[in-house]
Protein backbone atom coordinates (compact mmCIF):
# COMPACT_ATOMS: atom_id res chain seq x y z
CA GLN A 1 11.19 -1.93 -16.93
CA VAL A 2 7.92 -3.04 -15.37
CA GLN A 3 8.10 -2.56 -11.65
CA LEU A 4 6.61 -1.14 -8.48
CA VAL A 5 8.99 0.43 -5.99
CA GLU A 6 7.85 1.15 -2.45
CA SER A 7 9.46 3.55 -0.07
CA GLY A 8 8.75 5.34 3.17
CA GLY A 9 8.82 2.48 5.65
CA GLY A 10 10.72 2.60 8.90
CA LEU A 11 10.57 2.50 12.65
CA VAL A 12 8.04 4.64 14.47
CA GLN A 13 6.58 4.79 17.95
CA ALA A 14 2.97 3.87 18.64
CA GLY A 15 0.73 6.79 17.81
CA GLY A 16 3.05 8.09 15.13
CA SER A 17 2.63 8.43 11.38
CA LEU A 18 4.31 7.24 8.20
CA ARG A 19 3.60 7.85 4.55
CA LEU A 20 4.39 5.06 2.12
CA SER A 21 4.89 5.67 -1.59
CA CYS A 22 4.73 3.28 -4.53
CA ALA A 23 6.19 4.42 -7.80
CA ALA A 24 5.06 2.47 -10.87
CA SER A 25 6.99 2.19 -14.12
CA GLY A 26 6.43 0.26 -17.27
CA ILE A 27 2.65 -0.04 -16.76
CA ILE A 28 -0.25 2.12 -17.79
CA PHE A 29 -1.02 3.40 -14.34
CA SER A 30 -4.55 4.59 -15.03
CA ILE A 31 -5.84 1.12 -16.03
CA ASN A 32 -4.54 -0.63 -12.98
CA ALA A 33 -6.29 -1.11 -9.70
CA MET A 34 -3.72 -0.07 -7.12
CA GLY A 35 -3.61 -1.29 -3.60
CA TRP A 36 -1.58 -1.82 -0.47
CA TYR A 37 -1.23 -5.14 1.29
CA ARG A 38 0.81 -6.23 4.31
CA GLN A 39 2.30 -9.37 5.76
CA ALA A 40 3.28 -9.76 9.37
CA PRO A 41 5.63 -12.49 10.55
CA GLY A 42 3.85 -15.85 10.62
CA LYS A 43 0.70 -14.44 9.01
CA GLN A 44 -0.78 -14.38 5.56
CA ARG A 45 -0.62 -11.36 3.34
CA GLU A 46 -3.74 -9.21 3.78
CA LEU A 47 -5.41 -6.31 2.16
CA VAL A 48 -4.83 -2.91 3.76
CA ALA A 49 -6.37 -0.53 1.26
CA ARG A 50 -7.10 -0.41 -2.44
CA PHE A 51 -8.83 1.43 -5.19
CA THR A 52 -11.61 -0.23 -7.07
CA ARG A 53 -12.07 0.07 -10.80
CA GLY A 54 -14.77 2.63 -10.19
CA GLY A 55 -12.39 4.78 -8.22
CA SER A 56 -13.78 4.11 -4.80
CA THR A 57 -11.65 2.78 -1.93
CA ASN A 58 -11.74 -0.28 0.32
CA TYR A 59 -10.03 -0.51 3.69
CA ALA A 60 -9.41 -3.32 6.09
CA ASP A 61 -11.54 -2.83 9.18
CA SER A 62 -8.40 -2.68 11.32
CA VAL A 63 -7.15 0.47 9.56
CA LYS A 64 -10.35 2.36 8.84
CA GLY A 65 -10.16 5.91 10.09
CA ARG A 66 -6.38 5.72 10.49
CA PHE A 67 -5.03 5.00 7.02
CA THR A 68 -5.74 6.79 3.73
CA ILE A 69 -4.86 5.61 0.24
CA SER A 70 -4.41 8.13 -2.55
CA ARG A 71 -2.94 8.18 -6.04
CA ASP A 72 -1.27 10.64 -8.36
CA ASN A 73 -1.93 9.46 -11.92
CA ARG A 74 0.33 12.14 -13.39
CA ASN A 75 3.34 10.80 -11.43
CA ASN A 76 2.29 7.13 -11.49
CA THR A 77 2.42 6.98 -7.72
CA VAL A 78 0.12 5.61 -5.03
CA TYR A 79 0.43 6.58 -1.40
CA LEU A 80 -0.59 5.18 1.97
CA GLN A 81 -0.86 7.72 4.77
CA MET A 82 -0.78 5.86 8.06
CA ASN A 83 -1.72 7.71 11.27
CA SER A 84 -2.17 6.59 14.85
CA LEU A 85 0.05 3.59 14.21
CA LYS A 86 -0.19 0.62 16.51
CA PRO A 87 2.30 -2.18 17.22
CA GLU A 88 -0.01 -4.59 15.41
CA ASP A 89 0.50 -2.57 12.22
CA THR A 90 4.08 -3.91 12.12
CA ALA A 91 4.54 -5.76 8.83
CA ILE A 92 6.08 -5.66 5.40
CA TYR A 93 3.89 -3.46 3.26
CA TYR A 94 3.52 -4.34 -0.43
CA CYS A 95 2.17 -2.34 -3.32
CA ARG A 96 0.04 -4.21 -5.84
CA ALA A 97 -1.19 -3.36 -9.31
CA GLN A 98 -3.82 -5.37 -11.18
CA ASN A 99 -4.62 -4.63 -14.79
CA TYR A 100 -8.35 -4.01 -15.21
CA TYR A 101 -8.46 -5.80 -18.57
CA SER A 102 -5.93 -8.64 -18.49
CA GLY A 103 -6.12 -9.28 -14.79
CA SER A 104 -2.35 -9.55 -14.53
CA VAL A 105 -0.91 -8.69 -11.15
CA LEU A 106 2.34 -6.97 -10.28
CA TRP A 107 3.82 -6.73 -6.76
CA GLY A 108 6.48 -4.47 -5.36
CA GLN A 109 9.36 -5.70 -3.28
CA GLY A 110 7.87 -4.47 0.00
CA THR A 111 8.87 -1.97 2.64
CA GLN A 112 9.20 -2.75 6.35
CA VAL A 113 7.11 -0.85 8.84
CA THR A 114 7.86 -1.38 12.50
CA VAL A 115 5.81 0.21 15.25
CA SER A 116 7.24 0.11 18.76
CA SER A 117 5.10 0.25 21.87
């Protein structure tokens, strides 16, 4: 079955940390650009962090220095380490995979992150 399954969300106080995981199945993980996006209530979905095809990383300005994306190709998993969380980080976080060659996009179901002040 082709799917992305996120986990690791939850409720945390401002200044705290969470680590999100995204397990991929049914896709060739190594030929997909993996990334994390988020959507807050009433707002559009936005990029948080992603890997480029060349293996480098891009981060939204709002999370630079606080969030780190990483991947484990052996276990078909991508992670998002989130430190120094702020209330404005509250959102549903989605994992995304885009095939380098076909361009097809796959989304996970999302995991809720809530940061209390």
